[in-house]
C-alpha atoms as a PDB file:
ATOM      1  CA  MET A   1     -19.098  13.968 -18.075  1.00  0.00           C
ATOM      2  CA  ASP A   2     -22.184  15.537 -16.520  1.00  0.00           C
ATOM      3  CA  PRO A   3     -21.246  17.636 -13.423  1.00  0.00           C
ATOM      4  CA  THR A   4     -23.572  15.575 -11.221  1.00  0.00           C
ATOM      5  CA  ASN A   5     -21.974  12.319 -12.342  1.00  0.00           C
ATOM      6  CA  LEU A   6     -18.529  13.846 -11.921  1.00  0.00           C
ATOM      7  CA  GLN A   7     -19.409  14.807  -8.366  1.00  0.00           C
ATOM      8  CA  THR A   8     -20.537  11.222  -7.715  1.00  0.00           C
ATOM      9  CA  VAL A   9     -17.246   9.901  -9.073  1.00  0.00           C
ATOM     10  CA  GLY A  10     -15.378  12.341  -6.825  1.00  0.00           C
ATOM     11  CA  LEU A  11     -17.340  11.168  -3.803  1.00  0.00           C
ATOM     12  CA  LEU A  12     -16.601   7.519  -4.607  1.00  0.00           C
ATOM     13  CA  ILE A  13     -12.901   8.305  -4.949  1.00  0.00           C
ATOM     14  CA  ASP A  14     -12.924  10.011  -1.552  1.00  0.00           C
ATOM     15  CA  ILE A  15     -14.668   6.994   0.024  1.00  0.00           C
ATOM     16  CA  LEU A  16     -12.234   4.527  -1.535  1.00  0.00           C
ATOM     17  CA  ALA A  17      -9.252   6.651  -0.455  1.00  0.00           C
ATOM     18  CA  ALA A  18     -10.556   6.604   3.121  1.00  0.00           C
ATOM     19  CA  ALA A  19     -11.006   2.812   2.893  1.00  0.00           C
ATOM     20  CA  ILE A  20      -7.419   2.442   1.657  1.00  0.00           C
ATOM     21  CA  LEU A  21      -6.170   4.400   4.674  1.00  0.00           C
ATOM     22  CA  VAL A  22      -8.278   2.262   7.017  1.00  0.00           C
ATOM     23  CA  THR A  23      -6.637  -0.923   5.676  1.00  0.00           C
ATOM     24  CA  ALA A  24      -3.225   0.518   6.535  1.00  0.00           C
ATOM     25  CA  PHE A  25      -4.345   1.219  10.107  1.00  0.00           C
ATOM     26  CA  LEU A  26      -5.769  -2.302  10.387  1.00  0.00           C
ATOM     27  CA  VAL A  27      -2.377  -3.725   9.391  1.00  0.00           C
ATOM     28  CA  VAL A  28      -0.745  -1.688  12.164  1.00  0.00           C
ATOM     29  CA  SER A  29      -3.343  -2.891  14.695  1.00  0.00           C
ATOM     30  CA  SER A  30      -3.079  -6.626  13.899  1.00  0.00           C
ATOM     31  CA  ARG A  31      -0.661  -9.462  14.602  1.00  0.00           C
ATOM     32  CA  SER A  32      -1.829 -11.970  11.974  1.00  0.00           C
ATOM     33  CA  LEU A  33       0.370 -12.353   8.880  1.00  0.00           C
ATOM     34  CA  VAL A  34      -2.562 -13.842   6.969  1.00  0.00           C
ATOM     35  CA  PHE A  35      -4.673 -10.815   7.869  1.00  0.00           C
ATOM     36  CA  TYR A  36      -1.863  -8.515   6.669  1.00  0.00           C
ATOM     37  CA  ILE A  37      -1.898 -10.164   3.266  1.00  0.00           C
ATOM     38  CA  ARG A  38      -5.681 -10.057   2.974  1.00  0.00           C
ATOM     39  CA  LEU A  39      -5.696  -6.388   3.934  1.00  0.00           C
ATOM     40  CA  PHE A  40      -3.037  -5.648   1.332  1.00  0.00           C
ATOM     41  CA  ALA A  41      -5.142  -7.452  -1.291  1.00  0.00           C
ATOM     42  CA  LEU A  42      -8.195  -5.409  -0.288  1.00  0.00           C
ATOM     43  CA  GLN A  43      -6.160  -2.208  -0.252  1.00  0.00           C
ATOM     44  CA  SER A  44      -4.849  -2.922  -3.757  1.00  0.00           C
ATOM     45  CA  PHE A  45      -8.355  -3.700  -5.023  1.00  0.00           C
ATOM     46  CA  PHE A  46      -9.575  -0.342  -3.715  1.00  0.00           C
ATOM     47  CA  LEU A  47      -6.573   1.322  -5.369  1.00  0.00           C
ATOM     48  CA  GLY A  48      -7.419  -0.331  -8.676  1.00  0.00           C
ATOM     49  CA  ALA A  49     -11.013   0.850  -8.280  1.00  0.00           C
ATOM     50  CA  VAL A  50      -9.780   4.431  -7.759  1.00  0.00           C
ATOM     51  CA  ALA A  51      -7.785   4.170 -10.985  1.00  0.00           C
ATOM     52  CA  LEU A  52     -10.868   2.869 -12.832  1.00  0.00           C
ATOM     53  CA  LEU A  53     -12.914   5.787 -11.507  1.00  0.00           C
ATOM     54  CA  VAL A  54     -10.260   8.193 -12.815  1.00  0.00           C
ATOM     55  CA  VAL A  55     -10.660   6.550 -16.222  1.00  0.00           C
ATOM     56  CA  LEU A  56     -14.461   6.817 -16.105  1.00  0.00           C
ATOM     57  CA  GLY A  57     -14.699  10.262 -14.551  1.00  0.00           C
ATOM     58  CA  TYR A  58     -11.819  12.162 -16.088  1.00  0.00           C
ATOM     59  CA  GLY A  59     -11.271  10.357 -19.382  1.00  0.00           C
ATOM     60  CA  GLU A  60      -7.687   9.325 -18.564  1.00  0.00           C
ATOM     61  CA  THR A  61      -7.886   6.115 -20.594  1.00  0.00           C
ATOM     62  CA  HIS A  62      -4.132   5.433 -20.410  1.00  0.00           C
ATOM     63  CA  ILE A  63      -4.623   4.519 -16.731  1.00  0.00           C
ATOM     64  CA  LEU A  64      -6.922   1.600 -17.636  1.00  0.00           C
ATOM     65  CA  ILE A  65      -4.041  -0.863 -18.084  1.00  0.00           C
ATOM     66  CA  ALA A  66      -2.486   0.262 -14.790  1.00  0.00           C
ATOM     67  CA  ALA A  67      -5.860  -0.217 -13.050  1.00  0.00           C
ATOM     68  CA  VAL A  68      -6.210  -3.751 -14.425  1.00  0.00           C
ATOM     69  CA  LEU A  69      -2.605  -4.620 -13.503  1.00  0.00           C
ATOM     70  CA  THR A  70      -3.104  -3.255  -9.996  1.00  0.00           C
ATOM     71  CA  ILE A  71      -6.009  -5.624  -9.419  1.00  0.00           C
ATOM     72  CA  ALA A  72      -4.428  -8.588 -11.214  1.00  0.00           C
ATOM     73  CA  ILE A  73      -0.924  -8.350  -9.737  1.00  0.00           C
ATOM     74  CA  LYS A  74      -1.320  -6.608  -6.381  1.00  0.00           C
ATOM     75  CA  ALA A  75      -4.804  -7.737  -5.356  1.00  0.00           C
ATOM     76  CA  ILE A  76      -4.507 -11.318  -6.654  1.00  0.00           C
ATOM     77  CA  ALA A  77      -1.047 -12.560  -7.719  1.00  0.00           C
ATOM     78  CA  ILE A  78       1.117 -11.120  -4.927  1.00  0.00           C
ATOM     79  CA  PRO A  79      -1.274 -12.131  -2.099  1.00  0.00           C
ATOM     80  CA  VAL A  80      -1.364 -15.672  -3.520  1.00  0.00           C
ATOM     81  CA  VAL A  81       2.450 -15.824  -3.537  1.00  0.00           C
ATOM     82  CA  LEU A  82       2.753 -14.486   0.023  1.00  0.00           C
ATOM     83  CA  SER A  83      -0.012 -16.816   1.281  1.00  0.00           C
ATOM     84  CA  ARG A  84       1.849 -19.820  -0.105  1.00  0.00           C
ATOM     85  CA  VAL A  85       5.045 -18.639   1.571  1.00  0.00           C
ATOM     86  CA  ILE A  86       3.217 -18.502   4.907  1.00  0.00           C
ATOM     87  CA  GLU A  87       1.868 -22.013   4.356  1.00  0.00           C
ATOM     88  CA  ARG A  88       5.366 -23.305   3.658  1.00  0.00           C
ATOM     89  CA  ILE A  89       7.059 -21.703   6.663  1.00  0.00           C
ATOM     90  CA  HIS A  90       4.185 -22.291   9.139  1.00  0.00           C
ATOM     91  CA  VAL A  91       4.494 -18.855  10.736  1.00  0.00           C
ATOM     92  CA  ARG A  92       1.213 -17.010  11.077  1.00  0.00           C
ATOM     93  CA  LYS A  93       1.677 -14.262  13.690  1.00  0.00           C
ATOM     94  CA  GLU A  94       3.866 -11.255  14.396  1.00  0.00           C
ATOM     95  CA  VAL A  95       4.811 -11.590  18.058  1.00  0.00           C
ATOM     96  CA  ASP A  96       7.486  -9.016  18.867  1.00  0.00           C
ATOM     97  CA  PHE A  97       6.998  -5.347  17.969  1.00  0.00           C
ATOM     98  CA  SER A  98       9.572  -2.583  18.310  1.00  0.00           C
ATOM     99  CA  ILE A  99       6.643  -0.297  19.255  1.00  0.00           C
ATOM    100  CA  ASN A 100       3.445  -1.702  20.776  1.00  0.00           C
ATOM    101  CA  ILE A 101       0.123  -1.505  18.947  1.00  0.00           C
ATOM    102  CA  PRO A 102      -1.527   1.389  20.891  1.00  0.00           C
ATOM    103  CA  ALA A 103       1.571   3.576  20.511  1.00  0.00           C
ATOM    104  CA  SER A 104       1.843   2.576  16.840  1.00  0.00           C
ATOM    105  CA  LEU A 105      -1.737   3.652  16.161  1.00  0.00           C
ATOM    106  CA  LEU A 106      -1.138   7.004  17.863  1.00  0.00           C
ATOM    107  CA  LEU A 107       2.009   7.584  15.820  1.00  0.00           C
ATOM    108  CA  CYS A 108       0.212   6.658  12.602  1.00  0.00           C
ATOM    109  CA  GLY A 109      -2.557   9.084  13.513  1.00  0.00           C
ATOM    110  CA  GLY A 110       0.108  11.773  13.832  1.00  0.00           C
ATOM    111  CA  MET A 111       1.441  10.775  10.415  1.00  0.00           C
ATOM    112  CA  VAL A 112      -2.003  11.319   8.902  1.00  0.00           C
ATOM    113  CA  ILE A 113      -2.124  14.829  10.384  1.00  0.00           C
ATOM    114  CA  LEU A 114       1.387  15.523   9.084  1.00  0.00           C
ATOM    115  CA  ALA A 115       0.467  14.164   5.634  1.00  0.00           C
ATOM    116  CA  ASP A 116      -2.625  16.353   5.502  1.00  0.00           C
ATOM    117  CA  SER A 117      -0.538  19.412   6.343  1.00  0.00           C
ATOM    118  CA  VAL A 118       2.035  18.578   3.652  1.00  0.00           C
ATOM    119  CA  ALA A 119      -0.698  17.926   1.073  1.00  0.00           C
ATOM    120  CA  HIS A 120      -2.344  21.268   1.810  1.00  0.00           C
ATOM    121  CA  SER A 121       0.997  22.986   1.310  1.00  0.00           C
ATOM    122  CA  ILE A 122       1.494  21.238  -2.037  1.00  0.00           C
ATOM    123  CA  LEU A 123      -2.047  21.966  -3.225  1.00  0.00           C
ATOM    124  CA  GLY A 124      -2.273  25.410  -1.633  1.00  0.00           C
ATOM    125  CA  ALA A 125      -2.347  27.174  -5.000  1.00  0.00           C
ATOM    126  CA  GLN A 126      -5.288  25.128  -6.264  1.00  0.00           C
ATOM    127  CA  ARG A 127      -8.923  26.133  -5.995  1.00  0.00           C
ATOM    128  CA  ALA A 128     -11.223  24.641  -3.374  1.00  0.00           C
ATOM    129  CA  ASP A 129     -13.078  22.763  -6.104  1.00  0.00           C
ATOM    130  CA  ALA A 130      -9.976  20.826  -7.127  1.00  0.00           C
ATOM    131  CA  PRO A 131     -10.629  17.335  -8.534  1.00  0.00           C
ATOM    132  CA  ALA A 132     -11.143  14.543  -6.030  1.00  0.00           C
ATOM    133  CA  VAL A 133      -7.970  12.811  -7.197  1.00  0.00           C
ATOM    134  CA  SER A 134      -6.048  15.843  -5.923  1.00  0.00           C
ATOM    135  CA  ARG A 135      -7.836  15.729  -2.578  1.00  0.00           C
ATOM    136  CA  VAL A 136      -6.556  12.189  -1.928  1.00  0.00           C
ATOM    137  CA  LEU A 137      -2.939  13.380  -1.979  1.00  0.00           C
ATOM    138  CA  SER A 138      -2.924  13.521   1.819  1.00  0.00           C
ATOM    139  CA  VAL A 139      -3.983   9.849   1.928  1.00  0.00           C
ATOM    140  CA  SER A 140      -1.196   8.873  -0.470  1.00  0.00           C
ATOM    141  CA  ILE A 141       1.438  10.645   1.640  1.00  0.00           C
ATOM    142  CA  ALA A 142       0.051   9.030   4.804  1.00  0.00           C
ATOM    143  CA  MET A 143       0.244   5.619   3.108  1.00  0.00           C
ATOM    144  CA  MET A 144       3.912   6.127   2.291  1.00  0.00           C
ATOM    145  CA  LEU A 145       4.681   7.169   5.873  1.00  0.00           C
ATOM    146  CA  ILE A 146       2.708   4.284   7.407  1.00  0.00           C
ATOM    147  CA  GLY A 147       4.338   1.790   5.030  1.00  0.00           C
ATOM    148  CA  LEU A 148       7.767   3.041   6.087  1.00  0.00           C
ATOM    149  CA  PHE A 149       6.687   2.829   9.734  1.00  0.00           C
ATOM    150  CA  ILE A 150       5.600  -0.813   9.280  1.00  0.00           C
ATOM    151  CA  MET A 151       8.936  -1.662   7.695  1.00  0.00           C
ATOM    152  CA  THR A 152      10.954  -0.129  10.538  1.00  0.00           C
ATOM    153  CA  THR A 153       8.928  -1.395  13.525  1.00  0.00           C
ATOM    154  CA  ARG A 154       8.016  -4.967  12.538  1.00  0.00           C
ATOM    155  CA  LYS A 155      10.469  -7.845  12.756  1.00  0.00           C
ATOM    156  CA  LYS A 156       8.964 -10.476  10.460  1.00  0.00           C
ATOM    157  CA  ALA A 157      10.250 -10.339   6.904  1.00  0.00           C
ATOM    158  CA  ILE A 158       6.761 -10.845   5.432  1.00  0.00           C
ATOM    159  CA  THR A 159       5.398  -7.902   7.415  1.00  0.00           C
ATOM    160  CA  GLN A 160       8.215  -5.742   6.092  1.00  0.00           C
ATOM    161  CA  ILE A 161       7.310  -6.781   2.541  1.00  0.00           C
ATOM    162  CA  VAL A 162       3.721  -5.701   3.224  1.00  0.00           C
ATOM    163  CA  GLY A 163       5.069  -2.372   4.498  1.00  0.00           C
ATOM    164  CA  LEU A 164       7.105  -1.926   1.329  1.00  0.00           C
ATOM    165  CA  LEU A 165       4.099  -2.747  -0.850  1.00  0.00           C
ATOM    166  CA  THR A 166       1.966  -0.323   1.169  1.00  0.00           C
ATOM    167  CA  MET A 167       4.514   2.406   0.456  1.00  0.00           C
ATOM    168  CA  GLU A 168       4.371   1.557  -3.250  1.00  0.00           C
ATOM    169  CA  ASN A 169       0.573   1.783  -3.188  1.00  0.00           C
ATOM    170  CA  GLY A 170       0.963   5.236  -1.667  1.00  0.00           C
ATOM    171  CA  VAL A 171       3.356   6.225  -4.456  1.00  0.00           C
ATOM    172  CA  PHE A 172       0.897   5.014  -7.102  1.00  0.00           C
ATOM    173  CA  LEU A 173      -1.969   6.876  -5.424  1.00  0.00           C
ATOM    174  CA  SER A 174       0.112  10.052  -5.308  1.00  0.00           C
ATOM    175  CA  GLY A 175       0.762   9.670  -9.032  1.00  0.00           C
ATOM    176  CA  LEU A 176      -2.984   9.489  -9.607  1.00  0.00           C
ATOM    177  CA  SER A 177      -3.631  12.470  -7.360  1.00  0.00           C
ATOM    178  CA  ILE A 178      -1.079  14.824  -8.919  1.00  0.00           C
ATOM    179  CA  THR A 179      -0.568  13.852 -12.566  1.00  0.00           C
ATOM    180  CA  TYR A 180      -3.336  11.288 -13.297  1.00  0.00           C
ATOM    181  CA  GLY A 181      -0.741   8.535 -13.449  1.00  0.00           C
ATOM    182  CA  MET A 182       2.751   8.053 -14.816  1.00  0.00           C
ATOM    183  CA  PRO A 183       3.596   7.180 -18.444  1.00  0.00           C
ATOM    184  CA  LEU A 184       2.229   3.735 -19.330  1.00  0.00           C
ATOM    185  CA  ILE A 185       5.605   2.109 -20.015  1.00  0.00           C
ATOM    186  CA  VAL A 186       6.841   3.212 -16.582  1.00  0.00           C
ATOM    187  CA  GLU A 187       3.734   1.894 -14.818  1.00  0.00           C
ATOM    188  CA  VAL A 188       3.882  -1.503 -16.547  1.00  0.00           C
ATOM    189  CA  GLY A 189       7.595  -1.808 -15.781  1.00  0.00           C
ATOM    190  CA  ILE A 190       7.038  -0.994 -12.113  1.00  0.00           C
ATOM    191  CA  PHE A 191       4.266  -3.583 -11.750  1.00  0.00           C
ATOM    192  CA  PHE A 192       6.386  -6.399 -13.146  1.00  0.00           C
ATOM    193  CA  ASP A 193       9.410  -5.290 -11.120  1.00  0.00           C
ATOM    194  CA  ILE A 194       7.268  -5.514  -7.987  1.00  0.00           C
ATOM    195  CA  LEU A 195       5.998  -8.988  -8.906  1.00  0.00           C
ATOM    196  CA  VAL A 196       9.520 -10.288  -9.556  1.00  0.00           C
ATOM    197  CA  ALA A 197      10.789  -8.667  -6.335  1.00  0.00           C
ATOM    198  CA  VAL A 198       8.057 -10.353  -4.280  1.00  0.00           C
ATOM    199  CA  LEU A 199       8.843 -13.743  -5.864  1.00  0.00           C
ATOM    200  CA  ILE A 200      12.517 -13.326  -4.999  1.00  0.00           C
ATOM    201  CA  LEU A 201      11.735 -12.142  -1.472  1.00  0.00           C
ATOM    202  CA  GLY A 202       9.389 -15.105  -1.018  1.00  0.00           C
ATOM    203  CA  VAL A 203      12.242 -17.502  -1.823  1.00  0.00           C
ATOM    204  CA  PHE A 204      14.523 -15.469   0.437  1.00  0.00           C
ATOM    205  CA  ILE A 205      12.072 -15.732   3.353  1.00  0.00           C
ATOM    206  CA  PHE A 206      11.740 -19.487   2.832  1.00  0.00           C
ATOM    207  CA  ARG A 207      15.523 -19.888   2.944  1.00  0.00           C
ATOM    208  CA  ILE A 208      15.789 -17.724   6.091  1.00  0.00           C
ATOM    209  CA  ASN A 209      13.162 -19.859   7.807  1.00  0.00           C
ATOM    210  CA  LYS A 210      14.858 -23.091   6.727  1.00  0.00           C
ATOM    211  CA  THR A 211      18.250 -21.920   7.980  1.00  0.00           C
ATOM    212  CA  PHE A 212      17.272 -20.143  11.212  1.00  0.00           C
ATOM    213  CA  GLU A 213      13.832 -21.705  11.885  1.00  0.00           C
ATOM    214  CA  SER A 214      12.538 -18.129  12.066  1.00  0.00           C
ATOM    215  CA  ILE A 215      11.665 -15.298   9.674  1.00  0.00           C
ATOM    216  CA  SER A 216      12.604 -12.563  12.131  1.00  0.00           C
ATOM    217  CA  ILE A 217      15.268 -10.209  10.792  1.00  0.00           C
ATOM    218  CA  ASP A 218      16.887 -10.344  14.235  1.00  0.00           C
ATOM    219  CA  SER A 219      18.415 -13.638  13.094  1.00  0.00           C
ATOM    220  CA  LEU A 220      20.195 -11.811  10.290  1.00  0.00           C
ATOM    221  CA  ARG A 221      21.327  -8.993  12.551  1.00  0.00           C
ATOM    222  CA  GLY A 222      22.880 -11.588  14.813  1.00  0.00           C
ATOM    223  CA  LEU A 223      25.259 -12.611  12.030  1.00  0.00           C
ATOM    224  CA  ARG A 224      27.009  -9.228  12.317  1.00  0.00           C
ATOM    225  CA  GLU A 225      27.901  -9.816  15.942  1.00  0.00           C
END
């Protein structure tokens, strides 16, 4: 590809990576379960767009199927499943946080700084003109950390699923940033494993709500006492 066009592709990848990180921060700053799901859908669409840009800019055609599956499964199918779960259980807000929103945002900001430091250490041997997909490594690491943070500080089961899916998006983005994606058979297997896992977790959440009239994991912890 022409160097000018390649630079444009790199810039678009950087912009989309920043947008992906912003969606993670918006999840941390919100209480609405519906908003969480919509943000995850948007985040996954941006991730699929990054994969498509890698195909167009760097000729990595094997990523095309993964890009299409990302949009079809993560940006469309999974949000539809989770939205229907919310409609069935009639729970639309996260009320109790282990860490309040302002403190959560500050901690996530620290995670971004930490992720950037780790990424620079990993990519320290590369030249300054490294491909844009390598420059988004810090975003991918931050996504994994923020996803883990969401899982450990939120009490609603649906929010924890969103945290898990955010972590997985970070893993996929790191694969793009370091090796231009994993082998196709691995990527396809992971996507369908995620879809099946979300379907099972959706049923699990519905049963929790039916039994305890709540989807807070505190109800499950209480069974140990």
